[in-house]
Protein backbone atom coordinates (compact mmCIF):
# COMPACT_ATOMS: atom_id res chain seq x y z
CA UNK A 1 -70.47 -46.05 12.74
CA UNK A 2 -66.81 -47.11 13.95
CA UNK A 3 -66.22 -48.44 11.06
CA UNK A 4 -67.09 -45.42 8.43
CA UNK A 5 -64.81 -43.62 10.62
CA UNK A 6 -61.73 -45.95 10.35
CA UNK A 7 -62.74 -45.51 6.62
CA UNK A 8 -62.92 -41.55 6.26
CA UNK A 9 -59.30 -41.50 8.44
CA UNK A 10 -57.24 -44.17 5.94
CA UNK A 11 -58.95 -41.90 2.92
CA UNK A 12 -57.46 -38.49 4.48
CA UNK A 13 -54.23 -40.11 5.26
CA UNK A 14 -54.02 -41.18 1.96
CA UNK A 15 -55.01 -37.70 0.61
CA UNK A 16 -52.07 -36.08 2.65
CA UNK A 17 -49.62 -38.21 1.34
CA UNK A 18 -50.45 -37.45 -2.37
CA UNK A 19 -50.61 -33.63 -1.86
CA UNK A 20 -47.46 -33.77 0.07
CA UNK A 21 -44.04 -32.91 -1.26
CA UNK A 22 -42.56 -35.97 -0.46
CA UNK A 23 -45.20 -37.51 -2.49
CA UNK A 24 -45.05 -35.49 -5.39
CA UNK A 25 -43.25 -36.16 -8.56
CA UNK A 26 -40.27 -33.53 -9.05
CA UNK A 27 -37.28 -32.84 -11.80
CA UNK A 28 -34.67 -32.10 -9.44
CA UNK A 29 -31.35 -33.51 -10.42
CA UNK A 30 -30.25 -33.43 -6.53
CA UNK A 31 -31.30 -37.33 -6.99
CA UNK A 32 -34.45 -37.24 -4.76
CA UNK A 33 -33.25 -34.56 -2.36
CA UNK A 34 -34.89 -31.05 -2.69
CA UNK A 35 -32.65 -27.88 -2.79
CA UNK A 36 -32.60 -25.50 0.01
CA UNK A 37 -31.61 -22.17 -0.72
CA UNK A 38 -32.54 -20.93 2.33
CA UNK A 39 -31.00 -22.42 5.34
CA UNK A 40 -28.08 -20.45 7.18
CA UNK A 41 -26.01 -20.93 10.60
CA UNK A 42 -23.88 -18.46 12.41
CA UNK A 43 -20.18 -19.16 12.23
CA UNK A 44 -17.41 -17.17 13.92
CA UNK A 45 -16.57 -14.33 11.82
CA UNK A 46 -13.03 -14.07 10.59
CA UNK A 47 -11.00 -11.08 12.07
CA UNK A 48 -12.14 -8.11 9.59
CA UNK A 49 -15.68 -8.91 9.17
CA UNK A 50 -18.34 -7.90 11.53
CA UNK A 51 -19.43 -10.51 14.35
CA UNK A 52 -23.03 -9.38 13.34
CA UNK A 53 -22.89 -10.56 9.83
CA UNK A 54 -23.89 -14.54 8.88
CA UNK A 55 -22.37 -16.66 6.30
CA UNK A 56 -24.18 -19.49 4.54
CA UNK A 57 -23.67 -22.97 5.47
CA UNK A 58 -19.93 -24.07 4.41
CA UNK A 59 -20.71 -26.54 2.14
CA UNK A 60 -23.97 -25.92 -0.22
CA UNK A 61 -26.22 -28.42 -1.64
CA UNK A 62 -25.04 -28.26 -5.07
CA UNK A 63 -27.13 -30.10 -7.99
CA UNK A 64 -25.42 -33.58 -9.11
CA UNK A 65 -22.57 -33.37 -10.80
CA UNK A 66 -21.31 -29.77 -9.92
CA UNK A 67 -18.61 -28.32 -8.26
CA UNK A 68 -17.41 -24.79 -7.35
CA UNK A 69 -14.14 -22.76 -6.81
CA UNK A 70 -13.17 -20.91 -4.41
CA UNK A 71 -14.77 -23.44 -2.43
CA UNK A 72 -17.68 -22.11 0.13
CA UNK A 73 -16.23 -21.10 3.28
CA UNK A 74 -12.60 -20.72 2.44
CA UNK A 75 -10.31 -17.49 3.02
CA UNK A 76 -9.03 -16.41 -0.56
CA UNK A 77 -6.15 -13.05 -0.34
CA UNK A 78 -6.42 -13.16 -4.38
CA UNK A 79 -8.00 -9.30 -5.04
CA UNK A 80 -9.37 -10.65 -8.30
CA UNK A 81 -10.44 -14.08 -7.79
CA UNK A 82 -11.57 -16.37 -10.50
CA UNK A 83 -15.11 -17.78 -9.68
CA UNK A 84 -15.78 -21.03 -11.44
CA UNK A 85 -18.34 -23.69 -11.98
CA UNK A 86 -17.80 -26.69 -13.49
CA UNK A 87 -20.19 -29.44 -14.82
CA UNK A 88 -19.38 -32.99 -14.31
CA UNK A 89 -22.38 -34.04 -16.78
CA UNK A 90 -21.90 -31.48 -19.66
CA UNK A 91 -24.38 -33.16 -21.99
CA UNK A 92 -27.25 -31.80 -19.76
CA UNK A 93 -26.43 -28.61 -19.13
CA UNK A 94 -26.84 -25.64 -21.17
CA UNK A 95 -23.80 -23.73 -20.21
CA UNK A 96 -24.64 -21.15 -22.55
CA UNK A 97 -27.74 -19.92 -20.38
CA UNK A 98 -25.96 -20.15 -17.14
CA UNK A 99 -26.12 -16.72 -14.90
CA UNK A 100 -24.08 -15.36 -12.30
CA UNK A 101 -24.44 -13.02 -9.66
CA UNK A 102 -21.35 -11.72 -7.20
CA UNK A 103 -22.41 -9.44 -4.28
CA UNK A 104 -25.87 -9.26 -5.73
CA UNK A 105 -24.98 -7.96 -9.02
CA UNK A 106 -25.22 -9.79 -11.90
CA UNK A 107 -21.88 -10.31 -14.05
CA UNK A 108 -23.12 -12.86 -16.53
CA UNK A 109 -22.12 -10.99 -19.48
CA UNK A 110 -18.73 -11.01 -18.08
CA UNK A 111 -18.27 -14.72 -17.80
CA UNK A 112 -16.15 -16.93 -19.93
CA UNK A 113 -18.37 -20.01 -20.67
CA UNK A 114 -17.40 -23.60 -22.08
CA UNK A 115 -19.45 -26.85 -22.34
CA UNK A 116 -17.48 -27.77 -18.90
CA UNK A 117 -17.39 -24.54 -17.05
CA UNK A 118 -18.39 -21.34 -16.31
CA UNK A 119 -15.85 -18.39 -14.72
CA UNK A 120 -15.63 -15.13 -14.10
CA UNK A 121 -12.86 -13.06 -12.99
CA UNK A 122 -13.52 -9.22 -11.38
CA UNK A 123 -12.01 -6.31 -13.43
CA UNK A 124 -11.23 -4.23 -10.35
CA UNK A 125 -10.44 -5.41 -6.84
CA UNK A 126 -13.11 -7.05 -4.32
CA UNK A 127 -13.02 -5.35 -0.86
CA UNK A 128 -12.30 -7.42 1.96
CA UNK A 129 -14.94 -9.70 3.68
CA UNK A 130 -17.61 -12.10 2.49
CA UNK A 131 -18.47 -12.56 -1.43
CA UNK A 132 -21.30 -14.11 -1.85
CA UNK A 133 -21.81 -15.97 -5.33
CA UNK A 134 -25.39 -17.22 -6.91
CA UNK A 135 -25.73 -19.03 -9.90
CA UNK A 136 -28.78 -20.12 -11.97
CA UNK A 137 -27.86 -23.36 -14.08
CA UNK A 138 -30.37 -24.41 -17.03
CA UNK A 139 -30.83 -27.89 -18.11
CA UNK A 140 -32.13 -29.52 -21.21
CA UNK A 141 -34.71 -31.83 -19.79
CA UNK A 142 -34.97 -30.53 -16.29
CA UNK A 143 -35.97 -27.12 -14.61
CA UNK A 144 -33.42 -24.40 -13.91
CA UNK A 145 -31.79 -24.85 -10.56
CA UNK A 146 -30.38 -21.86 -8.31
CA UNK A 147 -27.89 -22.37 -5.54
CA UNK A 148 -25.44 -19.76 -3.86
CA UNK A 149 -22.15 -20.26 -1.64
CA UNK A 150 -20.16 -17.83 0.34
CA UNK A 151 -16.25 -17.55 0.68
CA UNK A 152 -14.15 -14.55 2.43
CA UNK A 153 -11.90 -12.50 0.91
CA UNK A 154 -9.00 -11.41 3.39
CA UNK A 155 -6.80 -9.28 1.26
CA UNK A 156 -3.30 -8.64 2.51
CA UNK A 157 -3.07 -4.70 2.12
CA UNK A 158 -1.08 -3.58 -0.72
CA UNK A 159 0.87 -0.62 1.61
CA UNK A 160 1.11 -1.47 5.11
CA UNK A 161 2.65 1.74 6.23
CA UNK A 162 4.38 4.71 5.01
CA UNK A 163 6.66 6.88 7.37
CA UNK A 164 8.83 9.94 7.00
CA UNK A 165 12.24 8.93 8.41
CA UNK A 166 13.63 12.34 8.34
CA UNK A 167 13.42 15.14 10.50
CA UNK A 168 9.81 16.73 10.58
CA UNK A 169 10.83 20.15 10.30
CA UNK A 170 12.65 21.05 7.21
CA UNK A 171 14.40 23.96 5.98
CA UNK A 172 16.15 24.78 2.41
CA UNK A 173 18.58 22.03 0.74
CA UNK A 174 17.45 19.60 3.76
CA UNK A 175 15.74 16.02 2.62
CA UNK A 176 12.36 15.32 3.24
CA UNK A 177 12.99 11.25 3.34
CA UNK A 178 9.97 9.02 2.89
CA UNK A 179 9.97 5.26 2.94
CA UNK A 180 6.94 2.78 2.10
CA UNK A 181 6.47 -0.66 2.86
CA UNK A 182 3.80 -2.78 0.50
CA UNK A 183 3.61 -5.40 -1.75
CA UNK A 184 6.68 -5.60 -3.87
CA UNK A 185 7.38 -5.50 -7.36
CA UNK A 186 4.76 -2.35 -8.10
CA UNK A 187 5.61 1.12 -9.06
CA UNK A 188 5.80 3.45 -5.93
CA UNK A 189 6.15 7.41 -5.48
CA UNK A 190 4.68 9.69 -2.87
CA UNK A 191 2.95 13.25 -2.87
CA UNK A 192 3.43 16.62 -1.13
CA UNK A 193 -0.58 17.16 -0.78
CA UNK A 194 -1.63 20.05 -3.03
CA UNK A 195 2.27 20.81 -3.68
CA UNK A 196 4.39 18.36 -5.09
CA UNK A 197 3.30 14.87 -7.28
CA UNK A 198 4.94 11.86 -8.76
CA UNK A 199 8.37 12.36 -6.41
CA UNK A 200 9.55 8.83 -6.90
CA UNK A 201 9.91 5.73 -4.74
CA UNK A 202 12.65 3.00 -5.42
CA UNK A 203 12.32 -0.37 -4.31
CA UNK A 204 15.26 -1.51 -2.30
CA UNK A 205 16.72 -4.93 -4.03
CA UNK A 206 17.89 -6.26 -0.91
CA UNK A 207 14.48 -5.71 0.91
CA UNK A 208 11.72 -6.41 -2.06
CA UNK A 209 8.49 -4.34 -0.92
CA UNK A 210 10.64 -1.72 0.94
CA UNK A 211 10.26 1.56 -1.05
CA UNK A 212 12.45 4.41 -0.20
CA UNK A 213 12.72 8.22 -1.81
CA UNK A 214 13.22 11.80 -1.00
CA UNK A 215 12.23 15.34 -2.04
CA UNK A 216 14.96 18.03 -1.25
CA UNK A 217 12.97 21.53 -0.23
CA UNK A 218 14.11 24.02 -2.48
CA UNK A 219 14.46 27.38 -1.95
CA UNK A 220 11.22 29.31 -2.22
CA UNK A 221 9.14 26.16 -1.01
CA UNK A 222 6.61 27.08 1.99
CA UNK A 223 4.06 24.47 3.35
CA UNK A 224 4.10 24.65 7.24
CA UNK A 225 1.86 21.49 7.46
CA UNK A 226 2.59 19.35 4.70
CA UNK A 227 0.17 16.44 4.04
CA UNK A 228 2.77 13.27 2.64
CA UNK A 229 0.39 10.37 0.88
CA UNK A 230 2.42 7.59 -0.97
CA UNK A 231 0.84 5.43 -3.81
CA UNK A 232 2.02 2.27 -5.11
CA UNK A 233 0.48 0.40 -8.43
CA UNK A 234 0.17 -3.16 -8.76
CA UNK A 235 -1.39 -4.80 -12.29
CA UNK A 236 -3.23 -1.57 -12.94
CA UNK A 237 -4.73 -1.19 -9.76
CA UNK A 238 -3.28 1.90 -7.42
CA UNK A 239 -3.37 2.24 -3.67
CA UNK A 240 -2.75 5.15 -1.52
CA UNK A 241 -1.92 5.77 2.07
CA UNK A 242 -1.43 8.71 4.08
CA UNK A 243 1.21 9.26 6.46
CA UNK A 244 -0.58 10.32 10.14
CA UNK A 245 1.52 13.50 10.87
CA UNK A 246 1.95 16.62 8.97
CA UNK A 247 5.19 18.14 8.23
CA UNK A 248 6.82 21.51 7.94
CA UNK A 249 8.77 22.82 4.93
CA UNK A 250 10.37 26.09 5.06
CA UNK A 251 12.54 26.94 2.11
CA UNK A 252 12.94 30.67 2.12
CA UNK A 253 16.46 31.17 3.04
CA UNK A 254 19.60 30.70 0.78
CA UNK A 255 21.52 28.75 2.85
CA UNK A 256 24.01 26.14 3.31
CA UNK A 257 23.41 22.12 4.56
CA UNK A 258 26.48 20.09 5.82
CA UNK A 259 25.63 16.46 5.75
CA UNK A 260 28.89 15.00 7.00
CA UNK A 261 30.57 15.15 9.51
CA UNK A 262 27.54 15.77 11.82
CA UNK A 263 28.01 18.93 13.79
CA UNK A 264 29.37 18.57 17.22
CA UNK A 265 30.97 14.74 16.11
CA UNK A 266 34.38 13.36 16.73
CA UNK A 267 36.63 13.47 13.36
CA UNK A 268 39.96 12.97 12.68
CA UNK A 269 42.74 15.03 11.44
CA UNK A 270 41.96 14.78 7.68
CA UNK A 271 38.54 14.71 6.90
CA UNK A 272 35.99 15.91 4.19
CA UNK A 273 33.67 17.85 4.83
CA UNK A 274 30.13 17.37 2.43
CA UNK A 275 27.06 19.38 2.16
CA UNK A 276 25.00 21.11 -0.38
CA UNK A 277 23.25 24.45 -1.82
CA UNK A 278 22.06 25.78 -4.47
CA UNK A 279 23.79 24.68 -7.84
CA UNK A 280 26.60 26.21 -9.70
CA UNK A 281 27.79 28.09 -6.09
CA UNK A 282 31.30 29.13 -4.73
CA UNK A 283 31.36 27.72 -1.30
CA UNK A 284 33.67 29.42 1.19
CA UNK A 285 35.17 27.60 4.79
CA UNK A 286 36.62 29.54 7.00
CA UNK A 287 38.37 27.36 9.81
CA UNK A 288 38.79 28.34 13.37
CA UNK A 289 40.90 26.45 16.08
CA UNK A 290 40.28 26.62 19.44
CA UNK A 291 40.41 24.44 22.76
CA UNK A 292 36.81 25.37 23.86
CA UNK A 293 33.85 23.59 22.41
CA UNK A 294 32.26 26.89 22.99
CA UNK A 295 34.69 28.85 20.85
CA UNK A 296 33.22 31.72 18.53
CA UNK A 297 33.37 31.14 15.08
CA UNK A 298 34.81 33.56 12.39
CA UNK A 299 32.35 36.41 11.91
CA UNK A 300 33.75 38.16 9.02
CA UNK A 301 34.41 36.46 5.53
CA UNK A 302 36.16 38.67 3.06
CA UNK A 303 39.00 38.81 0.80
CA UNK A 304 41.12 39.06 4.23
CA UNK A 305 40.02 35.70 4.71
CA UNK A 306 41.21 34.40 1.68
CA UNK A 307 44.69 32.75 3.16
CA UNK A 308 42.63 30.63 5.82
CA UNK A 309 39.38 29.61 3.57
CA UNK A 310 38.78 26.56 1.76
CA UNK A 311 37.19 27.19 -1.52
CA UNK A 312 35.20 24.69 -3.59
CA UNK A 313 31.77 24.86 -5.57
CA UNK A 314 28.94 23.04 -6.01
CA UNK A 315 28.09 20.77 -8.75
CA UNK A 316 24.68 21.37 -11.12
CA UNK A 317 22.67 19.52 -8.54
CA UNK A 318 24.17 21.55 -5.47
CA UNK A 319 26.14 19.15 -3.54
CA UNK A 320 29.71 20.28 -2.78
CA UNK A 321 32.97 18.47 -1.01
CA UNK A 322 36.08 19.81 0.25
CA UNK A 323 39.04 18.23 2.00
CA UNK A 324 40.44 19.49 5.22
CA UNK A 325 43.61 18.47 7.37
CA UNK A 326 45.24 19.50 10.18
CA UNK A 327 48.88 18.44 10.83
CA UNK A 328 49.12 17.78 14.80
CA UNK A 329 46.40 17.33 17.48
CA UNK A 330 46.77 19.22 20.31
CA UNK A 331 44.86 17.81 23.60
CA UNK A 332 41.28 19.17 23.73
CA UNK A 333 41.62 20.86 20.49
CA UNK A 334 38.19 21.97 18.40
CA UNK A 335 37.68 23.47 15.30
CA UNK A 336 34.83 25.86 14.20
CA UNK A 337 33.79 25.99 10.28
CA UNK A 338 31.91 28.95 9.01
CA UNK A 339 30.21 28.23 5.68
CA UNK A 340 28.94 29.76 3.16
CA UNK A 341 27.71 29.96 -0.80
CA UNK A 342 27.67 32.45 -2.84
CA UNK A 343 25.34 32.17 -6.30
CA UNK A 344 26.35 33.32 -9.47
CA UNK A 345 23.88 36.92 -9.08
CA UNK A 346 26.56 37.46 -5.84
CA UNK A 347 23.93 36.64 -3.37
CA UNK A 348 25.77 35.29 -0.02
CA UNK A 349 23.60 32.30 1.58
CA UNK A 350 23.14 32.45 5.44
CA UNK A 351 26.20 31.12 7.21
CA UNK A 352 26.42 27.48 8.56
CA UNK A 353 28.42 26.87 11.83
CA UNK A 354 30.00 23.13 11.92
CA UNK A 355 31.51 22.46 15.48
CA UNK A 356 33.85 19.26 15.53
CA UNK A 357 36.53 17.73 17.76
CA UNK A 358 39.40 15.61 16.80
CA UNK A 359 39.63 12.17 17.74
């Protein structure tokens, strides 16, 4: 009875060995190993990847002679990375039948195939985060094999920041100044949403990646909550970023803006007054000297003021410039200017009051 029991045990052991995976014959190019497609482990998530995500093991079990790029678990910055599979033994591979998936979508039809490699480059930028590639390789004398790997795409943002560097409340002929910081050597512009488009931003040659531009408020412009959006085009891809705060644009008045000297500033005895208004206007600058910074400006501009008026004209872009000089400096001397513009239709602008003191 004992002898029969031992014979039965040996027979069962032999049977289990024959039907087990390790005892079966397999056409697998892993040189005796079995491809494990399911095994995953959690790794530390990159800064822009939610911590709840899991990535496959950094080094996948690749079939013999196969190499991949980008490497598994690597960090990539290119928005359109080239993904490739190389065949170390091309004579055993049916490269033309290779299939490829990226983030779950099959891209086989867009692959470049050659006897020694298969490669794919996305037509558009991939989003930041894990990129999972799955491949199926066909062999001449072996069963097809599948494997997958994951790398992480950490794109540097095309537009880092957009800001309005001028005051956020602007009137006629004042400049809305915008600065965009992003990748260099692109084409940049900004828009006043639903109002003005394609306002150019020019890259600063001394600061690559910094683009600057402005919009001069015109008479009739009216946007009390204007949203500013910056755009940057790189390699055929356009990126956009909205400025956080709205700006107020009110261009209903015909007026003059003085850009130099600043109101209330100190000036030498001889200096220039620079500003802008509507194009092709006659400019009248009437000075009044006093010894207090609260002196009243000239309150009447007429033909009788012509002897004390400094005449000039604005050019086709509305810019004007006038020279002013005084012979001597007296203690505590101040000057206040009343500046107006008159257009070809005889309309007179709102007066601009400029106060200065002498150095």
